[in-house]
PDB file of N, CA and C in Angstrom:
ATOM      1  N   MET A   1      16.364  -9.157  -6.621  1.00  0.00           N
ATOM      2  CA  MET A   1      15.152  -8.685  -5.199  1.00  0.00           C
ATOM      3  C   MET A   1      13.647 -10.050  -5.780  1.00  0.00           C
ATOM      4  N   LYS A   2      13.365  -9.873  -4.642  1.00  0.00           N
ATOM      5  CA  LYS A   2      12.410 -10.708  -3.867  1.00  0.00           C
ATOM      6  C   LYS A   2      10.706 -10.138  -4.449  1.00  0.00           C
ATOM      7  N   TYR A   3      10.336 -11.243  -4.597  1.00  0.00           N
ATOM      8  CA  TYR A   3       8.976 -10.985  -4.592  1.00  0.00           C
ATOM      9  C   TYR A   3       7.876 -11.897  -3.907  1.00  0.00           C
ATOM     10  N   GLN A   4       6.562 -11.872  -3.881  1.00  0.00           N
ATOM     11  CA  GLN A   4       6.010 -12.699  -3.149  1.00  0.00           C
ATOM     12  C   GLN A   4       3.765 -12.110  -4.042  1.00  0.00           C
ATOM     13  N   TYR A   5       3.851 -13.743  -4.258  1.00  0.00           N
ATOM     14  CA  TYR A   5       2.949 -13.293  -4.629  1.00  0.00           C
ATOM     15  C   TYR A   5       1.833 -14.423  -4.209  1.00  0.00           C
ATOM     16  N   ALA A   6       0.468 -13.545  -3.902  1.00  0.00           N
ATOM     17  CA  ALA A   6      -0.922 -14.039  -3.214  1.00  0.00           C
ATOM     18  C   ALA A   6      -1.126 -15.600  -4.202  1.00  0.00           C
ATOM     19  N   THR A   7      -1.609 -16.846  -4.565  1.00  0.00           N
ATOM     20  CA  THR A   7      -1.868 -17.249  -5.272  1.00  0.00           C
ATOM     21  C   THR A   7      -3.807 -17.527  -5.420  1.00  0.00           C
ATOM     22  N   GLN A   8      -4.768 -17.751  -6.245  1.00  0.00           N
ATOM     23  CA  GLN A   8      -5.845 -17.601  -6.121  1.00  0.00           C
ATOM     24  C   GLN A   8      -6.023 -19.343  -6.767  1.00  0.00           C
ATOM     25  N   GLY A   9      -7.525 -20.482  -6.452  1.00  0.00           N
ATOM     26  CA  GLY A   9      -8.092 -21.211  -6.633  1.00  0.00           C
ATOM     27  C   GLY A   9      -6.774 -22.370  -6.463  1.00  0.00           C
ATOM     28  N   THR A  10      -5.847 -22.000  -5.754  1.00  0.00           N
ATOM     29  CA  THR A  10      -5.171 -23.547  -6.058  1.00  0.00           C
ATOM     30  C   THR A  10      -4.723 -23.571  -4.406  1.00  0.00           C
ATOM     31  N   CYS A  11      -3.886 -24.818  -3.710  1.00  0.00           N
ATOM     32  CA  CYS A  11      -4.174 -25.297  -2.811  1.00  0.00           C
ATOM     33  C   CYS A  11      -2.846 -24.112  -2.047  1.00  0.00           C
ATOM     34  N   SER A  12      -2.124 -23.946  -2.369  1.00  0.00           N
ATOM     35  CA  SER A  12      -1.276 -23.520  -1.998  1.00  0.00           C
ATOM     36  C   SER A  12      -1.259 -21.687  -1.861  1.00  0.00           C
ATOM     37  N   LYS A  13      -1.169 -21.211  -0.974  1.00  0.00           N
ATOM     38  CA  LYS A  13      -1.226 -19.725  -0.535  1.00  0.00           C
ATOM     39  C   LYS A  13      -0.593 -18.506  -1.442  1.00  0.00           C
ATOM     40  N   TYR A  14      -0.216 -18.385  -0.846  1.00  0.00           N
ATOM     41  CA  TYR A  14       1.704 -17.671  -2.233  1.00  0.00           C
ATOM     42  C   TYR A  14       2.712 -18.129  -2.364  1.00  0.00           C
ATOM     43  N   ILE A  15       3.367 -17.771  -3.212  1.00  0.00           N
ATOM     44  CA  ILE A  15       4.461 -18.329  -3.741  1.00  0.00           C
ATOM     45  C   ILE A  15       5.566 -16.745  -3.657  1.00  0.00           C
ATOM     46  N   GLU A  16       6.515 -17.036  -2.934  1.00  0.00           N
ATOM     47  CA  GLU A  16       7.752 -16.452  -3.446  1.00  0.00           C
ATOM     48  C   GLU A  16       8.971 -16.820  -3.831  1.00  0.00           C
ATOM     49  N   PHE A  17       9.804 -16.073  -5.263  1.00  0.00           N
ATOM     50  CA  PHE A  17      10.553 -15.803  -5.762  1.00  0.00           C
ATOM     51  C   PHE A  17      11.232 -14.921  -5.680  1.00  0.00           C
ATOM     52  N   GLU A  18      12.662 -15.040  -6.329  1.00  0.00           N
ATOM     53  CA  GLU A  18      13.839 -13.253  -7.378  1.00  0.00           C
ATOM     54  C   GLU A  18      13.929 -14.154  -8.038  1.00  0.00           C
ATOM     55  N   ILE A  19      14.003 -12.338  -8.895  1.00  0.00           N
ATOM     56  CA  ILE A  19      14.758 -12.052  -9.737  1.00  0.00           C
ATOM     57  C   ILE A  19      15.694 -10.749 -10.020  1.00  0.00           C
ATOM     58  N   GLY A  20      16.433 -12.204 -11.541  1.00  0.00           N
ATOM     59  CA  GLY A  20      17.429 -11.223 -10.802  1.00  0.00           C
ATOM     60  C   GLY A  20      17.031  -9.544 -12.205  1.00  0.00           C
ATOM     61  N   ASP A  21      18.258  -8.375 -12.578  1.00  0.00           N
ATOM     62  CA  ASP A  21      18.583  -7.965 -12.958  1.00  0.00           C
ATOM     63  C   ASP A  21      18.828  -8.765 -14.407  1.00  0.00           C
ATOM     64  N   ASP A  22      18.783 -10.492 -14.862  1.00  0.00           N
ATOM     65  CA  ASP A  22      18.548 -10.688 -16.243  1.00  0.00           C
ATOM     66  C   ASP A  22      17.686 -11.317 -16.468  1.00  0.00           C
ATOM     67  N   HIS A  23      16.595 -11.400 -15.668  1.00  0.00           N
ATOM     68  CA  HIS A  23      15.308 -12.154 -16.001  1.00  0.00           C
ATOM     69  C   HIS A  23      15.416 -12.969 -15.602  1.00  0.00           C
ATOM     70  N   ILE A  24      16.229 -13.343 -14.985  1.00  0.00           N
ATOM     71  CA  ILE A  24      17.032 -14.709 -14.293  1.00  0.00           C
ATOM     72  C   ILE A  24      15.659 -15.663 -13.281  1.00  0.00           C
ATOM     73  N   LEU A  25      15.070 -16.976 -13.259  1.00  0.00           N
ATOM     74  CA  LEU A  25      14.179 -16.695 -11.940  1.00  0.00           C
ATOM     75  C   LEU A  25      14.579 -17.361 -10.892  1.00  0.00           C
ATOM     76  N   HIS A  26      14.688 -17.390  -9.769  1.00  0.00           N
ATOM     77  CA  HIS A  26      15.906 -18.661  -8.904  1.00  0.00           C
ATOM     78  C   HIS A  26      14.607 -18.442  -7.352  1.00  0.00           C
ATOM     79  N   ASN A  27      15.270 -19.095  -6.709  1.00  0.00           N
ATOM     80  CA  ASN A  27      14.625 -19.068  -4.761  1.00  0.00           C
ATOM     81  C   ASN A  27      13.184 -18.962  -4.632  1.00  0.00           C
ATOM     82  N   VAL A  28      12.507 -20.077  -5.921  1.00  0.00           N
ATOM     83  CA  VAL A  28      11.171 -20.226  -5.619  1.00  0.00           C
ATOM     84  C   VAL A  28      10.417 -20.888  -4.954  1.00  0.00           C
ATOM     85  N   VAL A  29      10.202 -20.628  -4.528  1.00  0.00           N
ATOM     86  CA  VAL A  29       9.622 -21.347  -2.826  1.00  0.00           C
ATOM     87  C   VAL A  29       7.859 -21.282  -2.790  1.00  0.00           C
ATOM     88  N   PHE A  30       6.308 -22.555  -2.903  1.00  0.00           N
ATOM     89  CA  PHE A  30       5.205 -22.249  -2.375  1.00  0.00           C
ATOM     90  C   PHE A  30       5.339 -22.841  -1.061  1.00  0.00           C
ATOM     91  N   TYR A  31       3.906 -21.906  -0.987  1.00  0.00           N
ATOM     92  CA  TYR A  31       3.481 -21.649   0.753  1.00  0.00           C
ATOM     93  C   TYR A  31       2.258 -22.582   0.762  1.00  0.00           C
ATOM     94  N   GLY A  32       2.159 -24.387   1.342  1.00  0.00           N
ATOM     95  CA  GLY A  32       0.689 -25.057   0.746  1.00  0.00           C
ATOM     96  C   GLY A  32       0.720 -25.430  -0.492  1.00  0.00           C
ATOM     97  N   GLY A  33       0.533 -26.524  -0.863  1.00  0.00           N
ATOM     98  CA  GLY A  33       0.422 -26.843  -1.484  1.00  0.00           C
ATOM     99  C   GLY A  33       0.406 -28.654  -1.584  1.00  0.00           C
ATOM    100  N   CYS A  34       1.268 -29.287  -3.001  1.00  0.00           N
ATOM    101  CA  CYS A  34       1.234 -30.375  -3.342  1.00  0.00           C
ATOM    102  C   CYS A  34       2.832 -30.224  -2.668  1.00  0.00           C
ATOM    103  N   SER A  35       2.855 -29.959  -0.949  1.00  0.00           N
ATOM    104  CA  SER A  35       5.643 -29.804  -1.144  1.00  0.00           C
ATOM    105  C   SER A  35       6.098 -30.725  -2.398  1.00  0.00           C
ATOM    106  N   GLY A  36       5.850 -32.087  -2.171  1.00  0.00           N
ATOM    107  CA  GLY A  36       7.282 -32.960  -3.414  1.00  0.00           C
ATOM    108  C   GLY A  36       6.248 -32.473  -4.982  1.00  0.00           C
ATOM    109  N   ASN A  37       5.559 -32.116  -5.322  1.00  0.00           N
ATOM    110  CA  ASN A  37       5.264 -31.818  -6.778  1.00  0.00           C
ATOM    111  C   ASN A  37       6.161 -29.987  -6.737  1.00  0.00           C
ATOM    112  N   LEU A  38       6.040 -29.538  -5.409  1.00  0.00           N
ATOM    113  CA  LEU A  38       6.501 -28.271  -5.535  1.00  0.00           C
ATOM    114  C   LEU A  38       7.361 -27.669  -5.785  1.00  0.00           C
ATOM    115  N   GLN A  39       7.653 -28.634  -5.504  1.00  0.00           N
ATOM    116  CA  GLN A  39      10.091 -28.514  -4.703  1.00  0.00           C
ATOM    117  C   GLN A  39      10.500 -29.642  -5.750  1.00  0.00           C
ATOM    118  N   GLY A  40       9.593 -29.761  -6.997  1.00  0.00           N
ATOM    119  CA  GLY A  40      10.115 -30.362  -8.152  1.00  0.00           C
ATOM    120  C   GLY A  40      10.206 -29.375  -9.339  1.00  0.00           C
ATOM    121  N   ILE A  41       8.988 -29.058  -9.322  1.00  0.00           N
ATOM    122  CA  ILE A  41       8.746 -27.437 -10.028  1.00  0.00           C
ATOM    123  C   ILE A  41       9.999 -26.462  -9.334  1.00  0.00           C
ATOM    124  N   SER A  42       9.645 -26.247  -8.708  1.00  0.00           N
ATOM    125  CA  SER A  42      10.978 -24.951  -7.910  1.00  0.00           C
ATOM    126  C   SER A  42      12.343 -25.126  -8.231  1.00  0.00           C
ATOM    127  N   LYS A  43      12.289 -26.333  -7.920  1.00  0.00           N
ATOM    128  CA  LYS A  43      13.596 -26.899  -8.154  1.00  0.00           C
ATOM    129  C   LYS A  43      14.395 -27.059 -10.318  1.00  0.00           C
ATOM    130  N   LEU A  44      12.968 -27.568 -11.174  1.00  0.00           N
ATOM    131  CA  LEU A  44      12.714 -26.996 -11.971  1.00  0.00           C
ATOM    132  C   LEU A  44      12.982 -25.997 -13.249  1.00  0.00           C
ATOM    133  N   VAL A  45      12.598 -25.205 -12.885  1.00  0.00           N
ATOM    134  CA  VAL A  45      12.796 -23.324 -13.265  1.00  0.00           C
ATOM    135  C   VAL A  45      14.037 -22.753 -12.529  1.00  0.00           C
ATOM    136  N   GLU A  46      14.689 -23.820 -11.713  1.00  0.00           N
ATOM    137  CA  GLU A  46      15.549 -22.600 -10.567  1.00  0.00           C
ATOM    138  C   GLU A  46      16.815 -22.669 -12.479  1.00  0.00           C
ATOM    139  N   GLY A  47      16.994 -21.529 -12.142  1.00  0.00           N
ATOM    140  CA  GLY A  47      18.115 -20.977 -13.125  1.00  0.00           C
ATOM    141  C   GLY A  47      17.137 -20.208 -14.449  1.00  0.00           C
ATOM    142  N   MET A  48      16.422 -20.281 -14.917  1.00  0.00           N
ATOM    143  CA  MET A  48      15.230 -20.297 -15.993  1.00  0.00           C
ATOM    144  C   MET A  48      15.045 -18.952 -16.117  1.00  0.00           C
ATOM    145  N   PRO A  49      14.939 -18.667 -17.292  1.00  0.00           N
ATOM    146  CA  PRO A  49      14.437 -16.976 -17.998  1.00  0.00           C
ATOM    147  C   PRO A  49      12.898 -16.901 -17.274  1.00  0.00           C
ATOM    148  N   ILE A  50      13.009 -15.491 -16.944  1.00  0.00           N
ATOM    149  CA  ILE A  50      11.276 -15.803 -16.242  1.00  0.00           C
ATOM    150  C   ILE A  50      10.395 -16.205 -18.038  1.00  0.00           C
ATOM    151  N   SER A  51      10.757 -15.527 -19.576  1.00  0.00           N
ATOM    152  CA  SER A  51       9.923 -15.939 -20.235  1.00  0.00           C
ATOM    153  C   SER A  51       9.403 -17.034 -20.447  1.00  0.00           C
ATOM    154  N   GLU A  52      10.502 -17.789 -20.584  1.00  0.00           N
ATOM    155  CA  GLU A  52      10.511 -19.578 -20.964  1.00  0.00           C
ATOM    156  C   GLU A  52       9.725 -20.239 -19.719  1.00  0.00           C
ATOM    157  N   VAL A  53       9.452 -20.125 -17.710  1.00  0.00           N
ATOM    158  CA  VAL A  53       8.663 -20.015 -17.297  1.00  0.00           C
ATOM    159  C   VAL A  53       7.953 -19.596 -17.804  1.00  0.00           C
ATOM    160  N   ILE A  54       7.371 -18.478 -18.453  1.00  0.00           N
ATOM    161  CA  ILE A  54       5.886 -18.337 -17.987  1.00  0.00           C
ATOM    162  C   ILE A  54       5.323 -19.693 -19.828  1.00  0.00           C
ATOM    163  N   ASN A  55       5.959 -19.495 -20.165  1.00  0.00           N
ATOM    164  CA  ASN A  55       6.054 -19.765 -21.757  1.00  0.00           C
ATOM    165  C   ASN A  55       5.135 -21.783 -21.538  1.00  0.00           C
ATOM    166  N   LYS A  56       6.195 -22.523 -20.415  1.00  0.00           N
ATOM    167  CA  LYS A  56       5.693 -23.393 -20.347  1.00  0.00           C
ATOM    168  C   LYS A  56       5.049 -24.593 -19.444  1.00  0.00           C
ATOM    169  N   LEU A  57       4.844 -22.718 -18.569  1.00  0.00           N
ATOM    170  CA  LEU A  57       3.267 -23.482 -17.640  1.00  0.00           C
ATOM    171  C   LEU A  57       1.676 -22.242 -17.415  1.00  0.00           C
ATOM    172  N   LYS A  58       2.097 -21.708 -18.225  1.00  0.00           N
ATOM    173  CA  LYS A  58       0.783 -20.701 -18.664  1.00  0.00           C
ATOM    174  C   LYS A  58      -0.116 -21.995 -19.511  1.00  0.00           C
ATOM    175  N   GLY A  59      -1.598 -21.728 -17.968  1.00  0.00           N
ATOM    176  CA  GLY A  59      -2.434 -22.749 -18.909  1.00  0.00           C
ATOM    177  C   GLY A  59      -2.122 -24.691 -18.165  1.00  0.00           C
ATOM    178  N   ILE A  60      -2.191 -24.549 -17.594  1.00  0.00           N
ATOM    179  CA  ILE A  60      -1.735 -25.677 -16.694  1.00  0.00           C
ATOM    180  C   ILE A  60      -3.296 -25.911 -16.018  1.00  0.00           C
ATOM    181  N   SER A  61      -3.676 -26.461 -16.085  1.00  0.00           N
ATOM    182  CA  SER A  61      -5.065 -27.079 -14.595  1.00  0.00           C
ATOM    183  C   SER A  61      -4.128 -27.920 -13.902  1.00  0.00           C
ATOM    184  N   CYS A  62      -5.427 -28.004 -12.603  1.00  0.00           N
ATOM    185  CA  CYS A  62      -4.857 -28.767 -11.583  1.00  0.00           C
ATOM    186  C   CYS A  62      -6.733 -29.627 -11.593  1.00  0.00           C
ATOM    187  N   SER A  63      -6.944 -30.695 -11.155  1.00  0.00           N
ATOM    188  CA  SER A  63      -8.060 -31.449 -11.506  1.00  0.00           C
ATOM    189  C   SER A  63      -9.207 -30.767 -11.663  1.00  0.00           C
ATOM    190  N   GLY A  64      -8.777 -30.596 -13.594  1.00  0.00           N
ATOM    191  CA  GLY A  64      -9.947 -29.056 -13.946  1.00  0.00           C
ATOM    192  C   GLY A  64     -10.290 -28.523 -13.629  1.00  0.00           C
ATOM    193  N   GLY A  65     -10.197 -27.985 -12.881  1.00  0.00           N
ATOM    194  CA  GLY A  65     -10.094 -26.234 -12.424  1.00  0.00           C
ATOM    195  C   GLY A  65      -9.532 -25.496 -13.251  1.00  0.00           C
ATOM    196  N   PRO A  66      -9.277 -23.885 -13.710  1.00  0.00           N
ATOM    197  CA  PRO A  66      -9.015 -23.191 -14.481  1.00  0.00           C
ATOM    198  C   PRO A  66      -7.590 -22.860 -14.074  1.00  0.00           C
ATOM    199  N   THR A  67      -7.056 -23.104 -13.481  1.00  0.00           N
ATOM    200  CA  THR A  67      -5.407 -22.406 -12.816  1.00  0.00           C
ATOM    201  C   THR A  67      -4.902 -24.023 -11.840  1.00  0.00           C
ATOM    202  N   SER A  68      -3.953 -23.774 -11.691  1.00  0.00           N
ATOM    203  CA  SER A  68      -3.204 -24.576 -10.756  1.00  0.00           C
ATOM    204  C   SER A  68      -1.843 -23.906 -10.037  1.00  0.00           C
ATOM    205  N   CYS A  69      -0.750 -24.879  -9.201  1.00  0.00           N
ATOM    206  CA  CYS A  69      -0.027 -23.827  -8.950  1.00  0.00           C
ATOM    207  C   CYS A  69       1.333 -23.548  -9.906  1.00  0.00           C
ATOM    208  N   PRO A  70       1.774 -23.928 -10.970  1.00  0.00           N
ATOM    209  CA  PRO A  70       2.580 -24.378 -11.600  1.00  0.00           C
ATOM    210  C   PRO A  70       2.190 -22.771 -12.736  1.00  0.00           C
ATOM    211  N   ASP A  71       0.708 -22.918 -13.149  1.00  0.00           N
ATOM    212  CA  ASP A  71       0.219 -21.169 -13.718  1.00  0.00           C
ATOM    213  C   ASP A  71      -0.108 -20.485 -12.846  1.00  0.00           C
ATOM    214  N   GLN A  72      -0.458 -20.379 -11.915  1.00  0.00           N
ATOM    215  CA  GLN A  72      -0.482 -19.412 -10.886  1.00  0.00           C
ATOM    216  C   GLN A  72       1.021 -18.813 -10.846  1.00  0.00           C
ATOM    217  N   LEU A  73       2.779 -19.584 -11.166  1.00  0.00           N
ATOM    218  CA  LEU A  73       3.690 -19.339 -10.726  1.00  0.00           C
ATOM    219  C   LEU A  73       3.751 -18.137 -12.437  1.00  0.00           C
ATOM    220  N   ALA A  74       3.707 -18.903 -13.419  1.00  0.00           N
ATOM    221  CA  ALA A  74       3.222 -17.842 -14.589  1.00  0.00           C
ATOM    222  C   ALA A  74       2.324 -16.966 -14.854  1.00  0.00           C
ATOM    223  N   THR A  75       1.997 -16.769 -14.049  1.00  0.00           N
ATOM    224  CA  THR A  75       0.543 -15.552 -13.418  1.00  0.00           C
ATOM    225  C   THR A  75       1.656 -14.611 -12.976  1.00  0.00           C
ATOM    226  N   ALA A  76       2.121 -15.452 -11.871  1.00  0.00           N
ATOM    227  CA  ALA A  76       2.644 -14.163 -10.642  1.00  0.00           C
ATOM    228  C   ALA A  76       4.165 -13.150 -11.752  1.00  0.00           C
ATOM    229  N   LEU A  77       4.970 -13.747 -12.494  1.00  0.00           N
ATOM    230  CA  LEU A  77       6.019 -13.782 -13.257  1.00  0.00           C
ATOM    231  C   LEU A  77       5.555 -12.373 -14.256  1.00  0.00           C
ATOM    232  N   GLN A  78       3.947 -13.141 -15.229  1.00  0.00           N
ATOM    233  CA  GLN A  78       3.357 -11.676 -15.788  1.00  0.00           C
ATOM    234  C   GLN A  78       3.223 -10.483 -15.211  1.00  0.00           C
ATOM    235  N   GLU A  79       2.842 -11.335 -14.154  1.00  0.00           N
ATOM    236  CA  GLU A  79       2.031  -9.447 -13.057  1.00  0.00           C
ATOM    237  C   GLU A  79       3.543  -8.893 -12.869  1.00  0.00           C
ATOM    238  N   PHE A  80       4.791  -9.117 -12.902  1.00  0.00           N
ATOM    239  CA  PHE A  80       6.625  -9.040 -12.355  1.00  0.00           C
ATOM    240  C   PHE A  80       6.364  -7.789 -13.379  1.00  0.00           C
ATOM    241  N   LEU A  81       6.426  -9.096 -14.941  1.00  0.00           N
ATOM    242  CA  LEU A  81       6.802  -8.222 -15.795  1.00  0.00           C
ATOM    243  C   LEU A  81       5.548  -7.171 -16.325  1.00  0.00           C
ATOM    244  N   LYS A  82       4.746  -7.181 -15.761  1.00  0.00           N
ATOM    245  CA  LYS A  82       3.726  -5.448 -15.817  1.00  0.00           C
ATOM    246  C   LYS A  82       4.542  -4.896 -15.036  1.00  0.00           C
ATOM    247  N   GLN A  83       4.859  -4.419 -13.786  1.00  0.00           N
ATOM    248  CA  GLN A  83       4.686  -3.737 -13.244  1.00  0.00           C
ATOM    249  C   GLN A  83       5.896  -3.217 -13.176  1.00  0.00           C
ATOM    250  N   GLU A  84       7.469  -3.977 -13.568  1.00  0.00           N
ATOM    251  CA  GLU A  84       8.152  -3.367 -14.245  1.00  0.00           C
ATOM    252  C   GLU A  84       7.937  -2.499 -15.551  1.00  0.00           C
ATOM    253  N   VAL A  85       6.912  -2.818 -16.226  1.00  0.00           N
ATOM    254  CA  VAL A  85       6.846  -2.320 -17.630  1.00  0.00           C
ATOM    255  C   VAL A  85       6.542  -0.965 -17.041  1.00  0.00           C
ATOM    256  N   GLY A  86       5.198  -0.870 -17.229  1.00  0.00           N
ATOM    257  CA  GLY A  86       4.838   0.536 -15.890  1.00  0.00           C
ATOM    258  C   GLY A  86       5.373   1.068 -14.887  1.00  0.00           C
ATOM    259  N   SER A  87       6.563   1.171 -14.072  1.00  0.00           N
ATOM    260  CA  SER A  87       8.073   1.345 -14.075  1.00  0.00           C
ATOM    261  C   SER A  87       8.812   2.459 -14.399  1.00  0.00           C
ATOM    262  N   ARG A  88       8.762   1.783 -15.335  1.00  0.00           N
ATOM    263  CA  ARG A  88       9.653   3.019 -16.679  1.00  0.00           C
ATOM    264  C   ARG A  88       8.815   4.063 -17.189  1.00  0.00           C
ATOM    265  N   ARG A  89       7.704   3.836 -17.777  1.00  0.00           N
ATOM    266  CA  ARG A  89       7.239   4.917 -17.867  1.00  0.00           C
ATOM    267  C   ARG A  89       7.068   6.204 -17.396  1.00  0.00           C
TER     268      ARG A  89
END
């Protein structure tokens, strides 16, 4: 299923991604931000379990700020997990 997340506190404006039933991340696209770096991140996380992506990217900052594009991807995936748990109730 395809998801979109509006980022906060970064140069990128939003992130689109797909998550399979097996919680594997696919087709990550950042809109805005540092194109080369974000394309690299997208390729590196392709096919990874979302829990592993969260563990690797959560807490990364950019230019001394409280967040970064990778951190925002981790946040988006955490939000997906929260919504998924909420929908099971």
